[in-house]
Amino acid sequence: MAREGKDDARMQLRNGIDSSQLKQSVKVQRKEVTEHSVKAIALKWLDRDIARGLAEITN
């Protein structure tokens, strides 16, 4: 498995692709997808309602 990763990294380098930059862009894309998940949207909605004094705070 590690050997395959090494081979992939070398192939990417030959093709002019920086593997660390590729990893970072994948990480950013995953974060963007996660930010728009149902849970994230619900939490933003709840935060907004709490700030407005509309949501009941439970302990």
PDB file of N, CA and C in Angstrom:
ATOM      1  N   MET A   1       0.825  -1.179   0.000  1.00  0.00           N
ATOM      2  CA  MET A   1       0.000   0.000   0.000  1.00  0.00           C
ATOM      3  C   MET A   1       0.877   1.254   0.000  1.00  0.00           C
ATOM      4  N   ALA A   2       1.894   1.288   0.801  1.00  0.00           N
ATOM      5  CA  ALA A   2       2.788   2.442   0.838  1.00  0.00           C
ATOM      6  C   ALA A   2       3.524   2.586  -0.487  1.00  0.00           C
ATOM      7  N   ARG A   3       3.877   1.459  -1.065  1.00  0.00           N
ATOM      8  CA  ARG A   3       4.571   1.472  -2.349  1.00  0.00           C
ATOM      9  C   ARG A   3       3.693   2.090  -3.441  1.00  0.00           C
ATOM     10  N   GLU A   4       2.409   1.757  -3.407  1.00  0.00           N
ATOM     11  CA  GLU A   4       1.470   2.326  -4.379  1.00  0.00           C
ATOM     12  C   GLU A   4       1.359   3.836  -4.208  1.00  0.00           C
ATOM     13  N   GLY A   5       1.331   4.285  -2.961  1.00  0.00           N
ATOM     14  CA  GLY A   5       1.273   5.716  -2.682  1.00  0.00           C
ATOM     15  C   GLY A   5       2.502   6.438  -3.191  1.00  0.00           C
ATOM     16  N   LYS A   6       3.657   5.804  -2.999  1.00  0.00           N
ATOM     17  CA  LYS A   6       4.912   6.377  -3.473  1.00  0.00           C
ATOM     18  C   LYS A   6       4.900   6.467  -4.991  1.00  0.00           C
ATOM     19  N   ASP A   7       4.437   5.393  -5.642  1.00  0.00           N
ATOM     20  CA  ASP A   7       4.367   5.383  -7.103  1.00  0.00           C
ATOM     21  C   ASP A   7       3.399   6.441  -7.626  1.00  0.00           C
ATOM     22  N   ASP A   8       2.270   6.589  -6.947  1.00  0.00           N
ATOM     23  CA  ASP A   8       1.307   7.617  -7.342  1.00  0.00           C
ATOM     24  C   ASP A   8       1.909   9.007  -7.210  1.00  0.00           C
ATOM     25  N   ALA A   9       2.614   9.250  -6.120  1.00  0.00           N
ATOM     26  CA  ALA A   9       3.238  10.558  -5.905  1.00  0.00           C
ATOM     27  C   ALA A   9       4.276  10.845  -6.978  1.00  0.00           C
ATOM     28  N   ARG A  10       5.057   9.850  -7.344  1.00  0.00           N
ATOM     29  CA  ARG A  10       6.055  10.050  -8.401  1.00  0.00           C
ATOM     30  C   ARG A  10       5.392  10.328  -9.750  1.00  0.00           C
ATOM     31  N   MET A  11       4.294   9.626 -10.040  1.00  0.00           N
ATOM     32  CA  MET A  11       3.600   9.840 -11.294  1.00  0.00           C
ATOM     33  C   MET A  11       2.996  11.251 -11.338  1.00  0.00           C
ATOM     34  N   GLN A  12       2.434  11.679 -10.216  1.00  0.00           N
ATOM     35  CA  GLN A  12       1.873  13.023 -10.145  1.00  0.00           C
ATOM     36  C   GLN A  12       2.965  14.071 -10.363  1.00  0.00           C
ATOM     37  N   LEU A  13       4.113  13.844  -9.753  1.00  0.00           N
ATOM     38  CA  LEU A  13       5.232  14.770  -9.894  1.00  0.00           C
ATOM     39  C   LEU A  13       5.685  14.839 -11.351  1.00  0.00           C
ATOM     40  N   ARG A  14       5.740  13.698 -12.010  1.00  0.00           N
ATOM     41  CA  ARG A  14       6.105  13.674 -13.432  1.00  0.00           C
ATOM     42  C   ARG A  14       5.112  14.452 -14.288  1.00  0.00           C
ATOM     43  N   ASN A  15       3.855  14.432 -13.873  1.00  0.00           N
ATOM     44  CA  ASN A  15       2.801  15.129 -14.611  1.00  0.00           C
ATOM     45  C   ASN A  15       2.654  16.591 -14.180  1.00  0.00           C
ATOM     46  N   GLY A  16       3.559  17.058 -13.335  1.00  0.00           N
ATOM     47  CA  GLY A  16       3.544  18.452 -12.904  1.00  0.00           C
ATOM     48  C   GLY A  16       2.547  18.756 -11.808  1.00  0.00           C
ATOM     49  N   ILE A  17       2.108  17.731 -11.078  1.00  0.00           N
ATOM     50  CA  ILE A  17       1.135  17.912  -9.998  1.00  0.00           C
ATOM     51  C   ILE A  17       1.876  17.819  -8.666  1.00  0.00           C
ATOM     52  N   ASP A  18       1.732  18.858  -7.852  1.00  0.00           N
ATOM     53  CA  ASP A  18       2.336  18.871  -6.518  1.00  0.00           C
ATOM     54  C   ASP A  18       1.420  18.088  -5.585  1.00  0.00           C
ATOM     55  N   SER A  19       1.899  16.969  -5.061  1.00  0.00           N
ATOM     56  CA  SER A  19       1.047  16.096  -4.252  1.00  0.00           C
ATOM     57  C   SER A  19       0.559  16.777  -2.977  1.00  0.00           C
ATOM     58  N   SER A  20       1.380  17.616  -2.360  1.00  0.00           N
ATOM     59  CA  SER A  20       0.934  18.290  -1.140  1.00  0.00           C
ATOM     60  C   SER A  20      -0.146  19.319  -1.465  1.00  0.00           C
ATOM     61  N   GLN A  21      -0.010  19.993  -2.596  1.00  0.00           N
ATOM     62  CA  GLN A  21      -1.029  20.948  -3.012  1.00  0.00           C
ATOM     63  C   GLN A  21      -2.332  20.220  -3.354  1.00  0.00           C
ATOM     64  N   LEU A  22      -2.228  19.071  -3.973  1.00  0.00           N
ATOM     65  CA  LEU A  22      -3.399  18.262  -4.288  1.00  0.00           C
ATOM     66  C   LEU A  22      -4.116  17.835  -3.011  1.00  0.00           C
ATOM     67  N   LYS A  23      -3.354  17.396  -2.014  1.00  0.00           N
ATOM     68  CA  LYS A  23      -3.944  16.986  -0.737  1.00  0.00           C
ATOM     69  C   LYS A  23      -4.674  18.157  -0.088  1.00  0.00           C
ATOM     70  N   GLN A  24      -4.072  19.344  -0.122  1.00  0.00           N
ATOM     71  CA  GLN A  24      -4.689  20.521   0.473  1.00  0.00           C
ATOM     72  C   GLN A  24      -5.992  20.887  -0.248  1.00  0.00           C
ATOM     73  N   SER A  25      -5.990  20.800  -1.566  1.00  0.00           N
ATOM     74  CA  SER A  25      -7.205  21.148  -2.300  1.00  0.00           C
ATOM     75  C   SER A  25      -8.320  20.149  -2.026  1.00  0.00           C
ATOM     76  N   VAL A  26      -7.981  18.884  -1.885  1.00  0.00           N
ATOM     77  CA  VAL A  26      -8.981  17.861  -1.536  1.00  0.00           C
ATOM     78  C   VAL A  26      -9.531  18.150  -0.141  1.00  0.00           C
ATOM     79  N   LYS A  27      -8.662  18.539   0.764  1.00  0.00           N
ATOM     80  CA  LYS A  27      -9.077  18.855   2.135  1.00  0.00           C
ATOM     81  C   LYS A  27     -10.050  20.043   2.148  1.00  0.00           C
ATOM     82  N   VAL A  28      -9.754  21.061   1.356  1.00  0.00           N
ATOM     83  CA  VAL A  28     -10.624  22.233   1.268  1.00  0.00           C
ATOM     84  C   VAL A  28     -11.972  21.848   0.672  1.00  0.00           C
ATOM     85  N   GLN A  29     -11.964  21.017  -0.364  1.00  0.00           N
ATOM     86  CA  GLN A  29     -13.210  20.586  -0.989  1.00  0.00           C
ATOM     87  C   GLN A  29     -14.072  19.797  -0.007  1.00  0.00           C
ATOM     88  N   ARG A  30     -13.442  18.935   0.765  1.00  0.00           N
ATOM     89  CA  ARG A  30     -14.201  18.159   1.760  1.00  0.00           C
ATOM     90  C   ARG A  30     -14.809  19.080   2.803  1.00  0.00           C
ATOM     91  N   LYS A  31     -14.051  20.098   3.213  1.00  0.00           N
ATOM     92  CA  LYS A  31     -14.552  21.042   4.210  1.00  0.00           C
ATOM     93  C   LYS A  31     -15.745  21.809   3.664  1.00  0.00           C
ATOM     94  N   GLU A  32     -15.673  22.227   2.401  1.00  0.00           N
ATOM     95  CA  GLU A  32     -16.782  22.957   1.788  1.00  0.00           C
ATOM     96  C   GLU A  32     -18.034  22.100   1.729  1.00  0.00           C
ATOM     97  N   VAL A  33     -17.878  20.834   1.409  1.00  0.00           N
ATOM     98  CA  VAL A  33     -19.022  19.928   1.350  1.00  0.00           C
ATOM     99  C   VAL A  33     -19.621  19.760   2.742  1.00  0.00           C
ATOM    100  N   THR A  34     -18.772  19.621   3.734  1.00  0.00           N
ATOM    101  CA  THR A  34     -19.229  19.426   5.107  1.00  0.00           C
ATOM    102  C   THR A  34     -19.951  20.658   5.630  1.00  0.00           C
ATOM    103  N   GLU A  35     -19.492  21.844   5.243  1.00  0.00           N
ATOM    104  CA  GLU A  35     -20.118  23.073   5.716  1.00  0.00           C
ATOM    105  C   GLU A  35     -21.556  23.206   5.239  1.00  0.00           C
ATOM    106  N   HIS A  36     -21.903  22.515   4.191  1.00  0.00           N
ATOM    107  CA  HIS A  36     -23.247  22.608   3.649  1.00  0.00           C
ATOM    108  C   HIS A  36     -24.096  21.386   3.989  1.00  0.00           C
ATOM    109  N   SER A  37     -23.640  20.614   4.960  1.00  0.00           N
ATOM    110  CA  SER A  37     -24.413  19.448   5.370  1.00  0.00           C
ATOM    111  C   SER A  37     -25.641  19.891   6.165  1.00  0.00           C
ATOM    112  N   VAL A  38     -26.569  19.005   6.312  1.00  0.00           N
ATOM    113  CA  VAL A  38     -27.796  19.301   7.049  1.00  0.00           C
ATOM    114  C   VAL A  38     -27.467  19.708   8.485  1.00  0.00           C
ATOM    115  N   LYS A  39     -26.553  19.009   9.098  1.00  0.00           N
ATOM    116  CA  LYS A  39     -26.200  19.317  10.491  1.00  0.00           C
ATOM    117  C   LYS A  39     -25.608  20.718  10.597  1.00  0.00           C
ATOM    118  N   ALA A  40     -24.701  21.060   9.692  1.00  0.00           N
ATOM    119  CA  ALA A  40     -24.074  22.378   9.735  1.00  0.00           C
ATOM    120  C   ALA A  40     -25.107  23.480   9.542  1.00  0.00           C
ATOM    121  N   ILE A  41     -26.022  23.268   8.625  1.00  0.00           N
ATOM    122  CA  ILE A  41     -27.064  24.267   8.374  1.00  0.00           C
ATOM    123  C   ILE A  41     -27.974  24.405   9.591  1.00  0.00           C
ATOM    124  N   ALA A  42     -28.324  23.296  10.210  1.00  0.00           N
ATOM    125  CA  ALA A  42     -29.180  23.332  11.396  1.00  0.00           C
ATOM    126  C   ALA A  42     -28.483  24.064  12.544  1.00  0.00           C
ATOM    127  N   LEU A  43     -27.194  23.824  12.723  1.00  0.00           N
ATOM    128  CA  LEU A  43     -26.463  24.509  13.788  1.00  0.00           C
ATOM    129  C   LEU A  43     -26.387  26.010  13.543  1.00  0.00           C
ATOM    130  N   LYS A  44     -26.179  26.410  12.293  1.00  0.00           N
ATOM    131  CA  LYS A  44     -26.166  27.839  11.969  1.00  0.00           C
ATOM    132  C   LYS A  44     -27.535  28.463  12.255  1.00  0.00           C
ATOM    133  N   TRP A  45     -28.590  27.748  11.903  1.00  0.00           N
ATOM    134  CA  TRP A  45     -29.945  28.228  12.130  1.00  0.00           C
ATOM    135  C   TRP A  45     -30.188  28.407  13.632  1.00  0.00           C
ATOM    136  N   LEU A  46     -29.782  27.419  14.411  1.00  0.00           N
ATOM    137  CA  LEU A  46     -29.961  27.470  15.850  1.00  0.00           C
ATOM    138  C   LEU A  46     -29.166  28.619  16.459  1.00  0.00           C
ATOM    139  N   ASP A  47     -27.927  28.793  16.031  1.00  0.00           N
ATOM    140  CA  ASP A  47     -27.109  29.908  16.519  1.00  0.00           C
ATOM    141  C   ASP A  47     -27.778  31.243  16.223  1.00  0.00           C
ATOM    142  N   ARG A  48     -28.336  31.370  15.036  1.00  0.00           N
ATOM    143  CA  ARG A  48     -29.018  32.605  14.660  1.00  0.00           C
ATOM    144  C   ARG A  48     -30.227  32.851  15.556  1.00  0.00           C
ATOM    145  N   ASP A  49     -31.007  31.804  15.825  1.00  0.00           N
ATOM    146  CA  ASP A  49     -32.187  31.949  16.673  1.00  0.00           C
ATOM    147  C   ASP A  49     -31.805  32.267  18.116  1.00  0.00           C
ATOM    148  N   ILE A  50     -30.742  31.666  18.603  1.00  0.00           N
ATOM    149  CA  ILE A  50     -30.275  31.954  19.957  1.00  0.00           C
ATOM    150  C   ILE A  50     -29.849  33.412  20.049  1.00  0.00           C
ATOM    151  N   ALA A  51     -29.131  33.892  19.048  1.00  0.00           N
ATOM    152  CA  ALA A  51     -28.690  35.285  19.036  1.00  0.00           C
ATOM    153  C   ALA A  51     -29.879  36.241  19.034  1.00  0.00           C
ATOM    154  N   ARG A  52     -30.954  35.849  18.398  1.00  0.00           N
ATOM    155  CA  ARG A  52     -32.166  36.674  18.356  1.00  0.00           C
ATOM    156  C   ARG A  52     -33.028  36.502  19.607  1.00  0.00           C
ATOM    157  N   GLY A  53     -32.671  35.547  20.447  1.00  0.00           N
ATOM    158  CA  GLY A  53     -33.455  35.287  21.642  1.00  0.00           C
ATOM    159  C   GLY A  53     -34.697  34.461  21.374  1.00  0.00           C
ATOM    160  N   LEU A  54     -34.717  33.741  20.259  1.00  0.00           N
ATOM    161  CA  LEU A  54     -35.896  32.973  19.885  1.00  0.00           C
ATOM    162  C   LEU A  54     -35.823  31.516  20.327  1.00  0.00           C
ATOM    163  N   ALA A  55     -34.634  30.966  20.421  1.00  0.00           N
ATOM    164  CA  ALA A  55     -34.498  29.543  20.740  1.00  0.00           C
ATOM    165  C   ALA A  55     -34.381  29.364  22.259  1.00  0.00           C
ATOM    166  N   GLU A  56     -35.064  28.359  22.753  1.00  0.00           N
ATOM    167  CA  GLU A  56     -34.984  28.040  24.177  1.00  0.00           C
ATOM    168  C   GLU A  56     -33.665  27.310  24.418  1.00  0.00           C
ATOM    169  N   ILE A  57     -32.951  27.711  25.432  1.00  0.00           N
ATOM    170  CA  ILE A  57     -31.685  27.066  25.772  1.00  0.00           C
ATOM    171  C   ILE A  57     -31.961  25.988  26.803  1.00  0.00           C
ATOM    172  N   THR A  58     -31.553  24.771  26.496  1.00  0.00           N
ATOM    173  CA  THR A  58     -31.750  23.652  27.423  1.00  0.00           C
ATOM    174  C   THR A  58     -30.415  23.218  27.986  1.00  0.00           C
ATOM    175  N   ASN A  59     -30.448  22.751  29.187  1.00  0.00           N
ATOM    176  CA  ASN A  59     -29.215  22.275  29.836  1.00  0.00           C
ATOM    177  C   ASN A  59     -29.237  20.801  30.010  1.00  0.00           C
TER     178      ASN A  59
END
